[in-house]
Amino acid sequence: MTETTQRRNASQDGMGAPGTRGSTAIADTVVAKIAGMAAREIPEVHNLGGGMTRAFGAVRQRVPGGGSGVTQGVKVEVGERQAAVDLNLVVEYGAAIADTAADVRTNVINAVERMTGLEVVEVNIAVDDVHLPDDDEEDEESEQRERRVA
């Protein structure tokens, strides 16, 4: 004699599937970190943030426990099902800014939607600066001067 087990359909008892019971809240900082990392994956993006933001970020990174600054230059608004992202970029000299912005926008939307399930309604990009090759030499020189003084 064969024994059969009958599974009760969750919708018959008034309950949904296990994956739909309850709610999930995603913090703004989570979306901001995902967006910041996704924007930095584009090779033509040198950094995120405006001049003052980058200056404060550099100081914050030198302080122990100050954080990595992944969300520097990133502002998000997160609702229950949608998110909007604002980015401030510094692009490498010679990069096609419109193409770089499109690449960043696509990468950010794909990453946020894939990882959070939220619909990204817009990614606004402001290009605040262009990184020149000479800037690296100046940064290295100022860091060496700071080390000598300390």
C-alpha atoms as a PDB file:
ATOM      1  CA  MET A   1       0.000   0.000   0.000  1.00  0.00           C
ATOM      2  CA  THR A   2       1.388   3.398  -0.968  1.00  0.00           C
ATOM      3  CA  GLU A   3       1.114   6.348   1.299  1.00  0.00           C
ATOM      4  CA  THR A   4       0.593   9.751  -0.278  1.00  0.00           C
ATOM      5  CA  THR A   5       1.091  13.058   1.412  1.00  0.00           C
ATOM      6  CA  GLN A   6      -0.942  15.969   0.310  1.00  0.00           C
ATOM      7  CA  ARG A   7       0.640  19.393   0.488  1.00  0.00           C
ATOM      8  CA  ARG A   8      -1.625  22.217   1.355  1.00  0.00           C
ATOM      9  CA  ASN A   9      -1.403  25.106  -1.017  1.00  0.00           C
ATOM     10  CA  ALA A  10      -0.389  28.186   0.971  1.00  0.00           C
ATOM     11  CA  SER A  11      -2.926  30.311  -0.875  1.00  0.00           C
ATOM     12  CA  GLN A  12      -5.715  27.978   0.318  1.00  0.00           C
ATOM     13  CA  ASP A  13      -5.090  28.867   3.993  1.00  0.00           C
ATOM     14  CA  GLY A  14      -4.909  32.573   3.250  1.00  0.00           C
ATOM     15  CA  MET A  15      -1.111  32.745   3.528  1.00  0.00           C
ATOM     16  CA  GLY A  16       1.256  33.625   0.735  1.00  0.00           C
ATOM     17  CA  ALA A  17       4.407  31.808  -0.231  1.00  0.00           C
ATOM     18  CA  PRO A  18       7.106  31.847   2.483  1.00  0.00           C
ATOM     19  CA  GLY A  19       9.182  34.367   0.513  1.00  0.00           C
ATOM     20  CA  THR A  20       6.333  36.896   0.549  1.00  0.00           C
ATOM     21  CA  ARG A  21       5.505  36.823   4.265  1.00  0.00           C
ATOM     22  CA  GLY A  22       6.874  39.832   6.081  1.00  0.00           C
ATOM     23  CA  SER A  23       8.683  42.894   4.828  1.00  0.00           C
ATOM     24  CA  THR A  24      12.208  43.910   3.948  1.00  0.00           C
ATOM     25  CA  ALA A  25      13.546  47.394   4.616  1.00  0.00           C
ATOM     26  CA  ILE A  26      16.712  48.541   2.870  1.00  0.00           C
ATOM     27  CA  ALA A  27      18.558  51.481   4.428  1.00  0.00           C
ATOM     28  CA  ASP A  28      19.659  54.472   2.388  1.00  0.00           C
ATOM     29  CA  THR A  29      23.299  53.769   3.295  1.00  0.00           C
ATOM     30  CA  VAL A  30      23.082  50.288   1.757  1.00  0.00           C
ATOM     31  CA  VAL A  31      21.884  51.689  -1.561  1.00  0.00           C
ATOM     32  CA  ALA A  32      24.471  54.497  -1.381  1.00  0.00           C
ATOM     33  CA  LYS A  33      27.314  52.002  -0.874  1.00  0.00           C
ATOM     34  CA  ILE A  34      26.136  49.837  -3.765  1.00  0.00           C
ATOM     35  CA  ALA A  35      25.821  52.892  -6.034  1.00  0.00           C
ATOM     36  CA  GLY A  36      29.240  54.235  -4.987  1.00  0.00           C
ATOM     37  CA  MET A  37      30.981  50.931  -5.651  1.00  0.00           C
ATOM     38  CA  ALA A  38      29.202  50.497  -8.995  1.00  0.00           C
ATOM     39  CA  ALA A  39      30.180  54.014 -10.114  1.00  0.00           C
ATOM     40  CA  ARG A  40      33.829  53.417  -9.186  1.00  0.00           C
ATOM     41  CA  GLU A  41      33.900  50.260 -11.332  1.00  0.00           C
ATOM     42  CA  ILE A  42      33.876  52.434 -14.458  1.00  0.00           C
ATOM     43  CA  PRO A  43      37.556  53.022 -15.438  1.00  0.00           C
ATOM     44  CA  GLU A  44      37.063  56.665 -16.489  1.00  0.00           C
ATOM     45  CA  VAL A  45      35.766  57.609 -13.027  1.00  0.00           C
ATOM     46  CA  HIS A  46      38.678  58.928 -10.974  1.00  0.00           C
ATOM     47  CA  ASN A  47      36.754  59.699  -7.795  1.00  0.00           C
ATOM     48  CA  LEU A  48      33.375  60.693  -6.411  1.00  0.00           C
ATOM     49  CA  GLY A  49      32.462  63.914  -4.639  1.00  0.00           C
ATOM     50  CA  GLY A  50      33.014  67.624  -5.054  1.00  0.00           C
ATOM     51  CA  GLY A  51      36.139  69.495  -3.993  1.00  0.00           C
ATOM     52  CA  MET A  52      35.177  70.068  -0.347  1.00  0.00           C
ATOM     53  CA  THR A  53      33.653  66.604  -0.024  1.00  0.00           C
ATOM     54  CA  ARG A  54      36.885  65.026  -1.273  1.00  0.00           C
ATOM     55  CA  ALA A  55      38.953  67.169   1.108  1.00  0.00           C
ATOM     56  CA  PHE A  56      36.866  66.097   4.105  1.00  0.00           C
ATOM     57  CA  GLY A  57      36.955  62.509   2.847  1.00  0.00           C
ATOM     58  CA  ALA A  58      40.752  62.564   2.699  1.00  0.00           C
ATOM     59  CA  VAL A  59      40.912  63.787   6.300  1.00  0.00           C
ATOM     60  CA  ARG A  60      38.336  61.212   7.417  1.00  0.00           C
ATOM     61  CA  GLN A  61      40.342  58.373   5.820  1.00  0.00           C
ATOM     62  CA  ARG A  62      43.479  59.362   7.742  1.00  0.00           C
ATOM     63  CA  VAL A  63      41.661  59.235  11.084  1.00  0.00           C
ATOM     64  CA  PRO A  64      41.558  55.696  12.541  1.00  0.00           C
ATOM     65  CA  GLY A  65      38.004  54.378  12.324  1.00  0.00           C
ATOM     66  CA  GLY A  66      37.006  57.244  10.044  1.00  0.00           C
ATOM     67  CA  GLY A  67      35.568  55.001   7.340  1.00  0.00           C
ATOM     68  CA  SER A  68      36.401  54.292   3.759  1.00  0.00           C
ATOM     69  CA  GLY A  69      34.298  57.019   2.150  1.00  0.00           C
ATOM     70  CA  VAL A  70      32.453  54.651  -0.208  1.00  0.00           C
ATOM     71  CA  THR A  71      29.392  56.889  -0.043  1.00  0.00           C
ATOM     72  CA  GLN A  72      31.364  60.097  -0.675  1.00  0.00           C
ATOM     73  CA  GLY A  73      29.678  61.964  -3.531  1.00  0.00           C
ATOM     74  CA  VAL A  74      26.581  59.736  -3.401  1.00  0.00           C
ATOM     75  CA  LYS A  75      23.117  60.794  -2.289  1.00  0.00           C
ATOM     76  CA  VAL A  76      20.130  58.470  -2.442  1.00  0.00           C
ATOM     77  CA  GLU A  77      16.429  58.560  -1.724  1.00  0.00           C
ATOM     78  CA  VAL A  78      14.924  55.155  -1.018  1.00  0.00           C
ATOM     79  CA  GLY A  79      11.217  54.399  -0.902  1.00  0.00           C
ATOM     80  CA  GLU A  80       9.417  51.108  -0.415  1.00  0.00           C
ATOM     81  CA  ARG A  81       9.890  49.980  -4.013  1.00  0.00           C
ATOM     82  CA  GLN A  82      11.931  52.656  -5.744  1.00  0.00           C
ATOM     83  CA  ALA A  83      15.209  54.509  -5.368  1.00  0.00           C
ATOM     84  CA  ALA A  84      16.760  57.634  -6.860  1.00  0.00           C
ATOM     85  CA  VAL A  85      20.518  58.234  -6.934  1.00  0.00           C
ATOM     86  CA  ASP A  86      22.542  61.454  -7.260  1.00  0.00           C
ATOM     87  CA  LEU A  87      26.272  61.165  -8.000  1.00  0.00           C
ATOM     88  CA  ASN A  88      29.057  63.750  -8.118  1.00  0.00           C
ATOM     89  CA  LEU A  89      31.910  62.501 -10.287  1.00  0.00           C
ATOM     90  CA  VAL A  90      35.487  63.390 -11.070  1.00  0.00           C
ATOM     91  CA  VAL A  91      36.378  61.922 -14.460  1.00  0.00           C
ATOM     92  CA  GLU A  92      39.764  61.232 -15.982  1.00  0.00           C
ATOM     93  CA  TYR A  93      41.037  63.785 -18.487  1.00  0.00           C
ATOM     94  CA  GLY A  94      40.378  62.608 -22.052  1.00  0.00           C
ATOM     95  CA  ALA A  95      37.288  60.560 -21.197  1.00  0.00           C
ATOM     96  CA  ALA A  96      34.129  61.205 -23.175  1.00  0.00           C
ATOM     97  CA  ILE A  97      31.996  62.608 -20.368  1.00  0.00           C
ATOM     98  CA  ALA A  98      28.617  61.763 -21.920  1.00  0.00           C
ATOM     99  CA  ASP A  99      29.703  58.157 -22.553  1.00  0.00           C
ATOM    100  CA  THR A 100      31.194  57.862 -19.065  1.00  0.00           C
ATOM    101  CA  ALA A 101      27.980  59.175 -17.508  1.00  0.00           C
ATOM    102  CA  ALA A 102      25.930  56.682 -19.518  1.00  0.00           C
ATOM    103  CA  ASP A 103      28.223  53.819 -18.447  1.00  0.00           C
ATOM    104  CA  VAL A 104      28.024  54.876 -14.792  1.00  0.00           C
ATOM    105  CA  ARG A 105      24.240  55.240 -14.978  1.00  0.00           C
ATOM    106  CA  THR A 106      23.837  51.765 -16.494  1.00  0.00           C
ATOM    107  CA  ASN A 107      26.206  50.117 -14.005  1.00  0.00           C
ATOM    108  CA  VAL A 108      24.573  51.787 -10.994  1.00  0.00           C
ATOM    109  CA  ILE A 109      21.051  50.891 -12.106  1.00  0.00           C
ATOM    110  CA  ASN A 110      22.003  47.270 -12.791  1.00  0.00           C
ATOM    111  CA  ALA A 111      23.839  46.857  -9.473  1.00  0.00           C
ATOM    112  CA  VAL A 112      21.184  48.488  -7.280  1.00  0.00           C
ATOM    113  CA  GLU A 113      18.273  46.703  -8.949  1.00  0.00           C
ATOM    114  CA  ARG A 114      20.020  43.322  -8.900  1.00  0.00           C
ATOM    115  CA  MET A 115      21.169  43.540  -5.290  1.00  0.00           C
ATOM    116  CA  THR A 116      18.146  45.217  -3.694  1.00  0.00           C
ATOM    117  CA  GLY A 117      15.186  44.493  -5.941  1.00  0.00           C
ATOM    118  CA  LEU A 118      14.321  48.196  -5.900  1.00  0.00           C
ATOM    119  CA  GLU A 119      13.422  49.963  -9.136  1.00  0.00           C
ATOM    120  CA  VAL A 120      15.893  52.764  -9.822  1.00  0.00           C
ATOM    121  CA  VAL A 121      13.826  55.600 -11.241  1.00  0.00           C
ATOM    122  CA  GLU A 122      16.724  57.964 -11.926  1.00  0.00           C
ATOM    123  CA  VAL A 123      20.471  58.364 -11.624  1.00  0.00           C
ATOM    124  CA  ASN A 124      21.451  62.035 -11.775  1.00  0.00           C
ATOM    125  CA  ILE A 125      25.126  62.682 -12.480  1.00  0.00           C
ATOM    126  CA  ALA A 126      27.041  65.903 -11.921  1.00  0.00           C
ATOM    127  CA  VAL A 127      30.612  66.002 -13.201  1.00  0.00           C
ATOM    128  CA  ASP A 128      32.368  68.314 -10.755  1.00  0.00           C
ATOM    129  CA  ASP A 129      35.968  68.019 -11.927  1.00  0.00           C
ATOM    130  CA  VAL A 130      38.384  66.491 -14.409  1.00  0.00           C
ATOM    131  CA  HIS A 131      41.427  64.672 -13.046  1.00  0.00           C
ATOM    132  CA  LEU A 132      44.571  65.750 -14.870  1.00  0.00           C
ATOM    133  CA  PRO A 133      47.696  63.548 -15.052  1.00  0.00           C
ATOM    134  CA  ASP A 134      49.679  66.348 -13.327  1.00  0.00           C
ATOM    135  CA  ASP A 135      47.389  66.106 -10.276  1.00  0.00           C
ATOM    136  CA  ASP A 136      48.935  62.759  -9.254  1.00  0.00           C
ATOM    137  CA  GLU A 137      52.432  64.260  -9.086  1.00  0.00           C
ATOM    138  CA  GLU A 138      51.207  67.181  -6.955  1.00  0.00           C
ATOM    139  CA  ASP A 139      49.354  64.819  -4.586  1.00  0.00           C
ATOM    140  CA  GLU A 140      52.446  62.661  -4.113  1.00  0.00           C
ATOM    141  CA  GLU A 141      54.635  65.702  -3.429  1.00  0.00           C
ATOM    142  CA  SER A 142      52.234  67.096  -0.806  1.00  0.00           C
ATOM    143  CA  GLU A 143      52.012  63.689   0.905  1.00  0.00           C
ATOM    144  CA  GLN A 144      55.812  63.489   1.073  1.00  0.00           C
ATOM    145  CA  ARG A 145      55.965  66.994   2.594  1.00  0.00           C
ATOM    146  CA  GLU A 146      53.359  65.998   5.198  1.00  0.00           C
ATOM    147  CA  ARG A 147      55.366  62.896   6.143  1.00  0.00           C
ATOM    148  CA  ARG A 148      58.541  64.942   6.592  1.00  0.00           C
ATOM    149  CA  VAL A 149      56.763  67.439   8.844  1.00  0.00           C
ATOM    150  CA  ALA A 150      55.112  64.754  11.012  1.00  0.00           C
END
